[in-house]
Amino acid sequence: MRAVPFAFYALERSLRSEAAFGATIELMRSPAGRAVLVLLAWASAHHLFAGIRHLLMDVGVGASLGAARASAYATLGTAAAVAAATVLLA
């Protein structure tokens, strides 16, 4: 939810004019902009994968301690992979 104002600001700024759109793209390509994008990608991916993990655990899949720990590490790993892909693609 904290990313929504940032996204609205970037959208509004990019729709002002062609020059503002170019400036927004340059902001996103700066090191600080890329860091924000990577953190947002990691947080979103982690939230998605953790939610799927918990839904599966609610129906009894992976509810044992060992399976729960393995799925927690898998969630962290896949979220990190999404963040790494964002670095490569952004």
C-alpha atoms as a PDB file:
ATOM      1  CA  MET A   1       0.000   0.000   0.000  1.00  0.00           C
ATOM      2  CA  ARG A   2       2.874   2.367   0.578  1.00  0.00           C
ATOM      3  CA  ALA A   3       3.877   2.092  -3.073  1.00  0.00           C
ATOM      4  CA  VAL A   4       0.529   3.370  -4.346  1.00  0.00           C
ATOM      5  CA  PRO A   5       1.327   7.090  -3.870  1.00  0.00           C
ATOM      6  CA  PHE A   6       4.681   6.582  -5.613  1.00  0.00           C
ATOM      7  CA  ALA A   7       2.970   4.828  -8.520  1.00  0.00           C
ATOM      8  CA  PHE A   8       0.293   7.537  -8.797  1.00  0.00           C
ATOM      9  CA  TYR A   9       2.949  10.255  -8.724  1.00  0.00           C
ATOM     10  CA  ALA A  10       5.007   8.541 -11.424  1.00  0.00           C
ATOM     11  CA  LEU A  11       1.913   8.001 -13.597  1.00  0.00           C
ATOM     12  CA  GLU A  12       0.706  11.568 -13.176  1.00  0.00           C
ATOM     13  CA  ARG A  13       4.154  12.960 -13.887  1.00  0.00           C
ATOM     14  CA  SER A  14       4.630  10.797 -16.968  1.00  0.00           C
ATOM     15  CA  LEU A  15       1.273  11.909 -18.435  1.00  0.00           C
ATOM     16  CA  ARG A  16       1.971  15.652 -18.209  1.00  0.00           C
ATOM     17  CA  SER A  17       4.016  15.914 -21.398  1.00  0.00           C
ATOM     18  CA  GLU A  18       6.550  14.109 -23.518  1.00  0.00           C
ATOM     19  CA  ALA A  19       9.394  15.842 -21.672  1.00  0.00           C
ATOM     20  CA  ALA A  20       7.926  14.849 -18.301  1.00  0.00           C
ATOM     21  CA  PHE A  21       7.598  11.264 -19.531  1.00  0.00           C
ATOM     22  CA  GLY A  22      11.288  11.252 -20.496  1.00  0.00           C
ATOM     23  CA  ALA A  23      12.223  12.705 -17.126  1.00  0.00           C
ATOM     24  CA  THR A  24      10.199  10.014 -15.355  1.00  0.00           C
ATOM     25  CA  ILE A  25      11.944   7.292 -17.357  1.00  0.00           C
ATOM     26  CA  GLU A  26      15.326   8.792 -16.476  1.00  0.00           C
ATOM     27  CA  LEU A  27      14.317   8.885 -12.809  1.00  0.00           C
ATOM     28  CA  MET A  28      13.388   5.197 -12.952  1.00  0.00           C
ATOM     29  CA  ARG A  29      16.711   4.372 -14.612  1.00  0.00           C
ATOM     30  CA  SER A  30      18.765   6.199 -11.979  1.00  0.00           C
ATOM     31  CA  PRO A  31      20.375   4.106  -9.229  1.00  0.00           C
ATOM     32  CA  ALA A  32      17.843   5.336  -6.660  1.00  0.00           C
ATOM     33  CA  GLY A  33      14.942   4.654  -9.023  1.00  0.00           C
ATOM     34  CA  ARG A  34      16.203   1.166  -9.764  1.00  0.00           C
ATOM     35  CA  ALA A  35      16.597   0.486  -6.046  1.00  0.00           C
ATOM     36  CA  VAL A  36      12.990   1.518  -5.459  1.00  0.00           C
ATOM     37  CA  LEU A  37      11.797  -0.672  -8.332  1.00  0.00           C
ATOM     38  CA  VAL A  38      13.766  -3.671  -7.064  1.00  0.00           C
ATOM     39  CA  LEU A  39      12.449  -3.249  -3.513  1.00  0.00           C
ATOM     40  CA  LEU A  40       8.887  -2.924  -4.778  1.00  0.00           C
ATOM     41  CA  ALA A  41       9.299  -6.000  -6.983  1.00  0.00           C
ATOM     42  CA  TRP A  42      10.731  -8.016  -4.096  1.00  0.00           C
ATOM     43  CA  ALA A  43       7.996  -6.927  -1.679  1.00  0.00           C
ATOM     44  CA  SER A  44       5.218  -7.657  -4.193  1.00  0.00           C
ATOM     45  CA  ALA A  45       6.641 -11.048  -5.150  1.00  0.00           C
ATOM     46  CA  HIS A  46       7.200 -12.027  -1.524  1.00  0.00           C
ATOM     47  CA  HIS A  47       3.650 -11.016  -0.640  1.00  0.00           C
ATOM     48  CA  LEU A  48       2.249 -13.037  -3.552  1.00  0.00           C
ATOM     49  CA  PHE A  49       4.291 -16.184  -2.899  1.00  0.00           C
ATOM     50  CA  ALA A  50       3.758 -16.062   0.878  1.00  0.00           C
ATOM     51  CA  GLY A  51       0.023 -15.733   0.302  1.00  0.00           C
ATOM     52  CA  ILE A  52       0.007 -18.774  -1.980  1.00  0.00           C
ATOM     53  CA  ARG A  53       2.086 -20.655   0.594  1.00  0.00           C
ATOM     54  CA  HIS A  54      -0.380 -19.852   3.371  1.00  0.00           C
ATOM     55  CA  LEU A  55      -3.380 -20.781   1.238  1.00  0.00           C
ATOM     56  CA  LEU A  56      -1.782 -24.161   0.546  1.00  0.00           C
ATOM     57  CA  MET A  57      -1.009 -24.630   4.224  1.00  0.00           C
ATOM     58  CA  ASP A  58      -4.653 -23.853   5.066  1.00  0.00           C
ATOM     59  CA  VAL A  59      -5.739 -26.870   3.008  1.00  0.00           C
ATOM     60  CA  GLY A  60      -3.064 -29.080   4.576  1.00  0.00           C
ATOM     61  CA  VAL A  61      -0.357 -28.986   1.898  1.00  0.00           C
ATOM     62  CA  GLY A  62       3.051 -28.497   3.479  1.00  0.00           C
ATOM     63  CA  ALA A  63       1.742 -28.117   7.019  1.00  0.00           C
ATOM     64  CA  SER A  64       4.494 -30.156   8.707  1.00  0.00           C
ATOM     65  CA  LEU A  65       7.380 -28.274  10.284  1.00  0.00           C
ATOM     66  CA  GLY A  66       9.947 -29.418   7.738  1.00  0.00           C
ATOM     67  CA  ALA A  67       7.740 -28.661   4.758  1.00  0.00           C
ATOM     68  CA  ALA A  68       6.775 -25.286   6.216  1.00  0.00           C
ATOM     69  CA  ARG A  69      10.416 -24.311   6.641  1.00  0.00           C
ATOM     70  CA  ALA A  70      11.264 -25.485   3.135  1.00  0.00           C
ATOM     71  CA  SER A  71       8.380 -23.523   1.644  1.00  0.00           C
ATOM     72  CA  ALA A  72       9.406 -20.424   3.634  1.00  0.00           C
ATOM     73  CA  TYR A  73      12.913 -20.635   2.163  1.00  0.00           C
ATOM     74  CA  ALA A  74      11.430 -21.245  -1.298  1.00  0.00           C
ATOM     75  CA  THR A  75       9.270 -18.140  -0.890  1.00  0.00           C
ATOM     76  CA  LEU A  76      12.289 -16.043   0.029  1.00  0.00           C
ATOM     77  CA  GLY A  77      14.329 -17.511  -2.821  1.00  0.00           C
ATOM     78  CA  THR A  78      11.693 -16.971  -5.490  1.00  0.00           C
ATOM     79  CA  ALA A  79      11.067 -13.407  -4.322  1.00  0.00           C
ATOM     80  CA  ALA A  80      14.804 -12.768  -4.509  1.00  0.00           C
ATOM     81  CA  ALA A  81      14.867 -14.250  -8.016  1.00  0.00           C
ATOM     82  CA  VAL A  82      12.088 -11.890  -9.085  1.00  0.00           C
ATOM     83  CA  ALA A  83      14.044  -8.958  -7.633  1.00  0.00           C
ATOM     84  CA  ALA A  84      17.175 -10.116  -9.473  1.00  0.00           C
ATOM     85  CA  ALA A  85      15.216 -10.373 -12.715  1.00  0.00           C
ATOM     86  CA  THR A  86      13.976  -6.838 -12.145  1.00  0.00           C
ATOM     87  CA  VAL A  87      17.584  -5.646 -11.932  1.00  0.00           C
ATOM     88  CA  LEU A  88      18.356  -7.314 -15.240  1.00  0.00           C
ATOM     89  CA  LEU A  89      15.222  -6.137 -17.023  1.00  0.00           C
ATOM     90  CA  ALA A  90      14.913  -2.597 -15.647  1.00  0.00           C
END
